[in-house]
Amino acid sequence: MTMMENLVETLKSDVKALKKSKSKKPYVKMDKSASVKVEIRSRKARKIIEKTLKAADHPGNVSSIS
């Protein structure tokens, strides 16, 4: 083997060893804060109000509600 091939093989084995030695930390999912929950609820409420107003503008058209 040439010197370059030897270097590449050494690097490959070192990388494999590093990947195996790393301890995998589990992903910790954070809970949503109260303010984020309120923001989500207000967005949903705004969408519902918007749909309702759009439907009220066209009372004969049922398909505009969806």
C-alpha atoms as a PDB file:
ATOM      1  CA  MET A   1       0.000   0.000   0.000  1.00  0.00           C
ATOM      2  CA  THR A   2       1.121   3.466  -0.647  1.00  0.00           C
ATOM      3  CA  MET A   3       1.519   5.989   2.094  1.00  0.00           C
ATOM      4  CA  MET A   4      -1.658   7.819   1.052  1.00  0.00           C
ATOM      5  CA  GLU A   5      -3.787   4.638   1.145  1.00  0.00           C
ATOM      6  CA  ASN A   6      -2.382   3.816   4.558  1.00  0.00           C
ATOM      7  CA  LEU A   7      -3.287   7.292   5.826  1.00  0.00           C
ATOM      8  CA  VAL A   8      -6.837   7.000   4.459  1.00  0.00           C
ATOM      9  CA  GLU A   9      -7.341   3.606   6.101  1.00  0.00           C
ATOM     10  CA  THR A  10      -6.037   4.945   9.413  1.00  0.00           C
ATOM     11  CA  LEU A  11      -8.395   7.900   9.256  1.00  0.00           C
ATOM     12  CA  LYS A  12     -11.349   5.651   8.415  1.00  0.00           C
ATOM     13  CA  SER A  13     -10.658   3.384  11.372  1.00  0.00           C
ATOM     14  CA  ASP A  14     -10.221   6.386  13.691  1.00  0.00           C
ATOM     15  CA  VAL A  15     -13.547   7.844  12.576  1.00  0.00           C
ATOM     16  CA  LYS A  16     -15.308   4.508  13.087  1.00  0.00           C
ATOM     17  CA  ALA A  17     -13.810   4.233  16.577  1.00  0.00           C
ATOM     18  CA  LEU A  18     -14.952   7.752  17.453  1.00  0.00           C
ATOM     19  CA  LYS A  19     -18.484   7.055  16.223  1.00  0.00           C
ATOM     20  CA  LYS A  20     -18.698   3.929  18.361  1.00  0.00           C
ATOM     21  CA  SER A  21     -17.262   5.595  21.472  1.00  0.00           C
ATOM     22  CA  LYS A  22     -19.699   8.519  21.491  1.00  0.00           C
ATOM     23  CA  SER A  23     -22.530   7.962  23.910  1.00  0.00           C
ATOM     24  CA  LYS A  24     -25.836   8.815  22.337  1.00  0.00           C
ATOM     25  CA  LYS A  25     -27.759  11.233  24.492  1.00  0.00           C
ATOM     26  CA  PRO A  26     -31.511  10.796  24.217  1.00  0.00           C
ATOM     27  CA  TYR A  27     -33.468  13.695  22.795  1.00  0.00           C
ATOM     28  CA  VAL A  28     -35.315  15.532  25.519  1.00  0.00           C
ATOM     29  CA  LYS A  29     -38.525  17.036  24.240  1.00  0.00           C
ATOM     30  CA  MET A  30     -39.330  20.292  25.974  1.00  0.00           C
ATOM     31  CA  ASP A  31     -42.869  21.129  26.975  1.00  0.00           C
ATOM     32  CA  LYS A  32     -44.502  24.190  25.512  1.00  0.00           C
ATOM     33  CA  SER A  33     -44.657  27.171  27.820  1.00  0.00           C
ATOM     34  CA  ALA A  34     -47.975  28.688  28.781  1.00  0.00           C
ATOM     35  CA  SER A  35     -47.423  31.702  26.538  1.00  0.00           C
ATOM     36  CA  VAL A  36     -46.766  29.468  23.528  1.00  0.00           C
ATOM     37  CA  LYS A  37     -49.946  27.510  24.238  1.00  0.00           C
ATOM     38  CA  VAL A  38     -51.933  30.758  24.442  1.00  0.00           C
ATOM     39  CA  GLU A  39     -50.418  31.929  21.144  1.00  0.00           C
ATOM     40  CA  ILE A  40     -51.369  28.650  19.430  1.00  0.00           C
ATOM     41  CA  ARG A  41     -54.927  28.882  20.751  1.00  0.00           C
ATOM     42  CA  SER A  42     -55.273  32.494  19.633  1.00  0.00           C
ATOM     43  CA  ARG A  43     -54.043  31.622  16.121  1.00  0.00           C
ATOM     44  CA  LYS A  44     -56.602  28.826  15.879  1.00  0.00           C
ATOM     45  CA  ALA A  45     -59.325  31.166  17.142  1.00  0.00           C
ATOM     46  CA  ARG A  46     -58.366  33.819  14.568  1.00  0.00           C
ATOM     47  CA  LYS A  47     -58.595  31.236  11.780  1.00  0.00           C
ATOM     48  CA  ILE A  48     -62.034  30.111  12.939  1.00  0.00           C
ATOM     49  CA  ILE A  49     -63.232  33.726  13.174  1.00  0.00           C
ATOM     50  CA  GLU A  50     -61.866  34.433   9.700  1.00  0.00           C
ATOM     51  CA  LYS A  51     -63.719  31.415   8.264  1.00  0.00           C
ATOM     52  CA  THR A  52     -66.917  32.437  10.028  1.00  0.00           C
ATOM     53  CA  LEU A  53     -66.730  36.008   8.733  1.00  0.00           C
ATOM     54  CA  LYS A  54     -66.002  34.768   5.229  1.00  0.00           C
ATOM     55  CA  ALA A  55     -69.040  32.469   5.399  1.00  0.00           C
ATOM     56  CA  ALA A  56     -71.188  35.310   6.754  1.00  0.00           C
ATOM     57  CA  ASP A  57     -70.215  37.500   3.791  1.00  0.00           C
ATOM     58  CA  HIS A  58     -71.619  34.843   1.433  1.00  0.00           C
ATOM     59  CA  PRO A  59     -74.639  33.335   3.246  1.00  0.00           C
ATOM     60  CA  GLY A  60     -75.934  31.381   0.238  1.00  0.00           C
ATOM     61  CA  ASN A  61     -72.591  29.707  -0.502  1.00  0.00           C
ATOM     62  CA  VAL A  62     -72.027  26.732   1.833  1.00  0.00           C
ATOM     63  CA  SER A  63     -68.720  25.679   0.227  1.00  0.00           C
ATOM     64  CA  SER A  64     -66.925  28.862   1.392  1.00  0.00           C
ATOM     65  CA  ILE A  65     -67.066  27.640   5.007  1.00  0.00           C
ATOM     66  CA  SER A  66     -64.447  24.934   4.539  1.00  0.00           C
END
